[in-house]
Amino acid sequence: MPTTWTLDAPAAGITLPATAVQGLLDCASAPPSAATLLRTIDAVVPVEYLSLVHFRRDTPELIEGSARHTHDRDVVAECFAIYRRSYWRSDTVMRLADHAARRPAREVAVLHCRADELPVAGWRNDIYVRERLTERFTLLHAPASGAVQAIHLYRDLRQGLFQPCEIERLLGLAPLLRQAHQAALASHAIAVDRSAQVAQSRQRLLRLAPALSPREAEVVARIACGLSADGIAADLDVAPSTVVTLRKRAYLKLADVGLPADRLRLARWLG
């Protein structure tokens, strides 16, 4: 039978390689990436494939996959297509996903399943035997209510089965990886939301204040969305002094036609 765990905090005294620590920081500070997750985990325990899966209305959907070695085809996508077509309803991971959905942002559920423990022979033959996979180690968490994400890790025959010490390391890493992945998802959501707000503000500015240059509108739209001069400079890849100059020009043009020309009023007008 597959083995499951539910973890809510890192194990006491866990020690990670420096590359894994840097990997966790990279995971937390950038949009979620299967390749970044794989590199982080591979620094602790070698795995051949990683798939990042989202559960939408209790149905698994592949977000992205990554492989440790270069292949001439997308093994993760091919295997997921077979799994989604025929076998996902037989997967124990569905029960764990339901459990994780009821405890958002609090814990990580872990499932370890060897190929010979799969409940359906076709599943084992069509994917694990065909691709020479030995087992799967899955981390599930819900970053928000009703939104469950899974990180599937696969070993192949070259790497052999997970040893007890490797499973212990993965269990120690799991809560930290959940926290990093959750932070990345939250950061990405904020960035996407802010990008949409900036685009909306920019379009309204260009319509109501056509005297503004496109660059001035870019700056004012970001001011209305709460970005500082330094933040705008980084966003537009210009010097902060350029932002200040564009802001002064834009404020004069807005004031000339009786429109808001300061941060607070812009936020209310364009927010």
Protein backbone atom coordinates (compact mmCIF):
# COMPACT_ATOMS: atom_id res chain seq x y z
CA MET A 1 0.00 0.00 0.00
CA PRO A 2 1.19 3.59 -0.67
CA THR A 3 2.51 5.39 2.40
CA THR A 4 1.13 8.80 3.39
CA TRP A 5 2.13 11.54 5.84
CA THR A 6 0.64 14.88 6.87
CA LEU A 7 3.20 17.50 7.93
CA ASP A 8 2.66 21.03 9.21
CA ALA A 9 6.18 22.13 10.22
CA PRO A 10 9.78 21.34 9.28
CA ALA A 11 11.46 18.61 11.28
CA ALA A 12 13.62 19.89 14.13
CA GLY A 13 17.31 20.06 13.29
CA ILE A 14 16.92 19.61 9.54
CA THR A 15 20.12 20.55 7.70
CA LEU A 16 20.00 21.45 4.02
CA PRO A 17 22.83 21.90 1.51
CA ALA A 18 23.56 25.52 0.60
CA THR A 19 22.30 24.86 -2.94
CA ALA A 20 18.96 23.68 -1.56
CA VAL A 21 18.64 26.76 0.66
CA GLN A 22 19.33 29.01 -2.32
CA GLY A 23 16.84 26.98 -4.33
CA LEU A 24 14.12 27.56 -1.72
CA LEU A 25 14.84 31.30 -1.86
CA ASP A 26 14.65 31.21 -5.65
CA CYS A 27 11.35 29.31 -5.48
CA ALA A 28 9.86 31.84 -3.09
CA SER A 29 10.92 34.94 -5.01
CA ALA A 30 9.96 34.03 -8.58
CA PRO A 31 6.90 32.73 -10.44
CA PRO A 32 6.42 29.00 -9.85
CA SER A 33 8.69 26.94 -12.12
CA ALA A 34 8.99 23.18 -12.42
CA ALA A 35 12.68 23.53 -13.33
CA THR A 36 13.44 25.60 -10.21
CA LEU A 37 11.56 23.16 -8.00
CA LEU A 38 13.40 20.22 -9.54
CA ARG A 39 16.82 21.83 -9.00
CA THR A 40 15.97 22.56 -5.38
CA ILE A 41 14.80 19.03 -4.65
CA ASP A 42 17.63 17.46 -6.66
CA ALA A 43 20.13 19.19 -4.34
CA VAL A 44 18.65 17.14 -1.47
CA VAL A 45 17.58 13.89 -3.17
CA PRO A 46 18.12 13.04 -6.87
CA VAL A 47 14.93 12.66 -8.93
CA GLU A 48 14.54 12.23 -12.67
CA TYR A 49 11.23 13.98 -13.37
CA LEU A 50 9.00 16.55 -11.68
CA SER A 51 5.47 17.47 -12.62
CA LEU A 52 3.56 20.43 -11.22
CA VAL A 53 -0.18 19.70 -11.18
CA HIS A 54 -3.21 21.81 -10.28
CA PHE A 55 -6.55 20.31 -9.24
CA ARG A 56 -9.43 22.16 -10.85
CA ARG A 57 -12.87 20.99 -9.71
CA ASP A 58 -11.23 17.80 -8.41
CA THR A 59 -9.65 17.11 -11.79
CA PRO A 60 -5.83 17.13 -12.21
CA GLU A 61 -4.34 19.48 -14.81
CA LEU A 62 -0.66 19.60 -15.72
CA ILE A 63 0.88 23.04 -15.22
CA GLU A 64 4.45 22.21 -16.18
CA GLY A 65 7.00 19.40 -16.13
CA SER A 66 10.77 19.19 -15.93
CA ALA A 67 13.42 16.50 -16.34
CA ARG A 68 16.87 16.09 -14.77
CA HIS A 69 18.33 14.90 -18.06
CA THR A 70 17.69 16.11 -21.60
CA HIS A 71 15.25 13.99 -23.59
CA ASP A 72 14.19 14.09 -27.23
CA ARG A 73 10.51 14.27 -26.22
CA ASP A 74 8.38 15.69 -23.42
CA VAL A 75 8.14 12.60 -21.21
CA VAL A 76 6.19 14.34 -18.45
CA ALA A 77 3.52 15.68 -20.81
CA GLU A 78 3.19 12.34 -22.63
CA CYS A 79 2.79 10.39 -19.39
CA PHE A 80 0.34 12.88 -17.94
CA ALA A 81 -1.84 12.64 -21.05
CA ILE A 82 -2.06 8.86 -20.57
CA TYR A 83 -2.72 9.27 -16.83
CA ARG A 84 -5.41 11.90 -17.40
CA ARG A 85 -7.10 9.84 -20.10
CA SER A 86 -7.31 6.56 -18.20
CA TYR A 87 -6.02 6.36 -14.63
CA TRP A 88 -6.36 9.45 -12.45
CA ARG A 89 -9.63 8.34 -10.83
CA SER A 90 -7.79 5.31 -9.39
CA ASP A 91 -5.06 7.44 -7.82
CA THR A 92 -4.81 7.70 -4.01
CA VAL A 93 -3.61 11.24 -4.55
CA MET A 94 -7.21 12.30 -5.25
CA ARG A 95 -8.20 11.47 -1.67
CA LEU A 96 -5.22 13.41 -0.34
CA ALA A 97 -6.08 16.38 -2.56
CA ASP A 98 -9.52 16.49 -1.00
CA HIS A 99 -7.95 16.45 2.48
CA ALA A 100 -5.52 19.25 1.54
CA ALA A 101 -8.35 21.36 0.13
CA ARG A 102 -10.00 21.40 3.56
CA ARG A 103 -6.86 22.76 5.26
CA PRO A 104 -5.59 25.57 3.00
CA ALA A 105 -2.20 27.17 3.65
CA ARG A 106 -1.59 25.03 6.74
CA GLU A 107 0.10 21.75 5.92
CA VAL A 108 1.47 19.47 3.25
CA ALA A 109 0.20 15.97 2.55
CA VAL A 110 2.80 13.50 1.29
CA LEU A 111 2.30 10.27 -0.66
CA HIS A 112 4.97 7.71 -1.53
CA CYS A 113 4.01 4.99 -4.00
CA ARG A 114 6.21 2.36 -5.71
CA ALA A 115 5.33 1.16 -9.20
CA ASP A 116 4.37 -2.27 -7.87
CA GLU A 117 1.84 -0.64 -5.50
CA LEU A 118 -0.24 0.96 -8.24
CA PRO A 119 -3.79 -0.38 -8.17
CA VAL A 120 -4.19 -0.71 -11.96
CA ALA A 121 -1.88 -2.88 -14.06
CA GLY A 122 -2.42 -0.77 -17.18
CA TRP A 123 -1.28 2.34 -15.33
CA ARG A 124 1.89 0.57 -14.24
CA ASN A 125 2.62 -0.81 -17.72
CA ASP A 126 1.64 2.22 -19.81
CA ILE A 127 3.69 4.71 -17.82
CA TYR A 128 6.04 3.21 -15.23
CA VAL A 129 7.26 0.18 -17.17
CA ARG A 130 7.39 2.07 -20.46
CA GLU A 131 9.45 4.92 -19.01
CA ARG A 132 11.44 2.70 -16.60
CA LEU A 133 10.10 4.55 -13.54
CA THR A 134 10.40 2.97 -10.12
CA GLU A 135 8.18 5.17 -7.92
CA ARG A 136 6.53 8.51 -7.23
CA PHE A 137 6.80 10.86 -4.26
CA THR A 138 4.04 13.48 -4.11
CA LEU A 139 3.71 16.69 -2.08
CA LEU A 140 0.23 18.26 -1.97
CA HIS A 141 -0.82 21.57 -0.47
CA ALA A 142 -3.63 24.10 -0.85
CA PRO A 143 -2.28 27.67 -1.19
CA ALA A 144 -5.86 28.95 -0.93
CA SER A 145 -9.28 27.52 -0.24
CA GLY A 146 -10.32 25.15 -3.01
CA ALA A 147 -6.99 25.44 -4.85
CA VAL A 148 -4.78 22.35 -4.51
CA GLN A 149 -1.33 21.96 -6.05
CA ALA A 150 0.73 18.78 -6.32
CA ILE A 151 4.46 18.38 -6.86
CA HIS A 152 5.11 14.86 -8.21
CA LEU A 153 8.66 13.49 -8.07
CA TYR A 154 9.67 10.41 -10.08
CA ARG A 155 12.70 8.12 -9.86
CA ASP A 156 13.82 5.82 -12.66
CA LEU A 157 15.78 2.58 -12.78
CA ARG A 158 19.13 4.39 -13.05
CA GLN A 159 18.48 6.05 -9.68
CA GLY A 160 16.79 3.05 -8.05
CA LEU A 161 14.29 3.17 -5.20
CA PHE A 162 14.29 5.92 -2.60
CA GLN A 163 16.34 4.82 0.38
CA PRO A 164 14.94 5.37 3.92
CA CYS A 165 17.41 8.21 4.52
CA GLU A 166 16.31 9.90 1.28
CA ILE A 167 12.65 9.66 2.26
CA GLU A 168 13.54 11.20 5.60
CA ARG A 169 15.26 14.09 3.82
CA LEU A 170 12.25 14.65 1.55
CA LEU A 171 9.90 14.65 4.53
CA GLY A 172 12.11 17.24 6.19
CA LEU A 173 12.12 19.37 3.04
CA ALA A 174 8.38 19.09 2.32
CA PRO A 175 7.04 21.82 4.69
CA LEU A 176 9.78 24.24 3.62
CA LEU A 177 9.04 23.55 -0.02
CA ARG A 178 5.33 24.15 0.61
CA GLN A 179 6.09 27.52 2.19
CA ALA A 180 8.39 28.55 -0.67
CA HIS A 181 5.96 27.39 -3.35
CA GLN A 182 3.06 29.11 -1.61
CA ALA A 183 5.04 32.36 -1.38
CA ALA A 184 5.84 32.13 -5.10
CA LEU A 185 2.19 31.59 -6.00
CA ALA A 186 1.11 34.54 -3.83
CA SER A 187 3.83 36.79 -5.28
CA HIS A 188 2.89 35.79 -8.81
CA ALA A 189 -0.81 36.47 -8.15
CA ILE A 190 0.01 39.93 -6.79
CA ALA A 191 2.23 40.68 -9.77
CA VAL A 192 -0.43 39.55 -12.24
CA ASP A 193 -3.09 41.58 -10.45
CA ARG A 194 -0.88 44.67 -10.36
CA SER A 195 -0.03 44.28 -14.03
CA ALA A 196 -3.75 44.22 -14.87
CA GLN A 197 -4.34 47.32 -12.73
CA VAL A 198 -1.47 49.20 -14.40
CA ALA A 199 -2.77 48.29 -17.87
CA GLN A 200 -6.28 49.49 -16.99
CA SER A 201 -4.99 52.77 -15.52
CA ARG A 202 -2.73 53.38 -18.52
CA GLN A 203 -5.58 52.90 -20.99
CA ARG A 204 -7.81 55.30 -19.07
CA LEU A 205 -5.04 57.91 -18.89
CA LEU A 206 -4.35 57.77 -22.62
CA ARG A 207 -8.07 58.20 -23.28
CA LEU A 208 -8.71 61.07 -20.81
CA ALA A 209 -5.30 62.77 -20.98
CA PRO A 210 -4.09 62.39 -24.57
CA ALA A 211 -1.42 65.07 -24.00
CA LEU A 212 0.59 62.56 -21.96
CA SER A 213 3.32 60.72 -23.82
CA PRO A 214 3.16 56.90 -23.66
CA ARG A 215 6.13 56.89 -21.25
CA GLU A 216 4.53 59.53 -19.00
CA ALA A 217 1.31 57.48 -18.94
CA GLU A 218 3.32 54.37 -17.94
CA VAL A 219 4.79 56.27 -14.97
CA VAL A 220 1.51 57.85 -13.83
CA ALA A 221 -0.36 54.54 -14.11
CA ARG A 222 2.18 52.93 -11.78
CA ILE A 223 2.04 55.85 -9.34
CA ALA A 224 -1.74 55.36 -9.15
CA CYS A 225 -1.17 51.67 -8.38
CA GLY A 226 1.11 52.48 -5.43
CA LEU A 227 4.59 51.93 -6.87
CA SER A 228 7.45 54.10 -5.62
CA ALA A 229 9.85 55.91 -7.95
CA ASP A 230 12.43 53.17 -7.39
CA GLY A 231 9.83 50.49 -8.05
CA ILE A 232 8.73 52.20 -11.26
CA ALA A 233 12.35 52.56 -12.35
CA ALA A 234 12.93 48.83 -11.86
CA ASP A 235 9.65 47.98 -13.60
CA LEU A 236 10.45 50.12 -16.64
CA ASP A 237 14.22 49.47 -16.57
CA VAL A 238 15.12 53.18 -16.37
CA ALA A 239 16.96 55.34 -13.83
CA PRO A 240 14.97 56.73 -10.87
CA SER A 241 15.92 60.23 -12.04
CA THR A 242 14.16 59.51 -15.35
CA VAL A 243 11.02 58.53 -13.45
CA VAL A 244 11.14 61.81 -11.48
CA THR A 245 11.47 63.81 -14.70
CA LEU A 246 8.60 61.98 -16.39
CA ARG A 247 6.45 62.41 -13.28
CA LYS A 248 7.03 66.20 -13.20
CA ARG A 249 6.14 66.54 -16.88
CA ALA A 250 3.04 64.39 -16.49
CA TYR A 251 1.81 66.26 -13.40
CA LEU A 252 2.10 69.62 -15.22
CA LYS A 253 0.12 68.29 -18.19
CA LEU A 254 -2.58 66.80 -15.92
CA ALA A 255 -2.88 70.00 -13.87
CA ASP A 256 -3.20 72.09 -17.07
CA VAL A 257 -6.42 70.27 -17.97
CA GLY A 258 -7.76 70.13 -14.41
CA LEU A 259 -7.05 66.46 -13.76
CA PRO A 260 -5.56 64.96 -10.53
CA ALA A 261 -1.83 65.61 -10.29
CA ASP A 262 -0.68 63.95 -7.06
CA ARG A 263 -0.33 60.40 -5.80
CA LEU A 264 -3.39 60.25 -3.51
CA ARG A 265 -5.84 61.77 -5.96
CA LEU A 266 -4.48 59.66 -8.81
CA ALA A 267 -5.02 56.52 -6.75
CA ARG A 268 -8.67 57.50 -6.10
CA TRP A 269 -9.25 58.62 -9.70
CA LEU A 270 -7.69 55.64 -11.44
CA GLY A 271 -8.04 53.00 -8.71
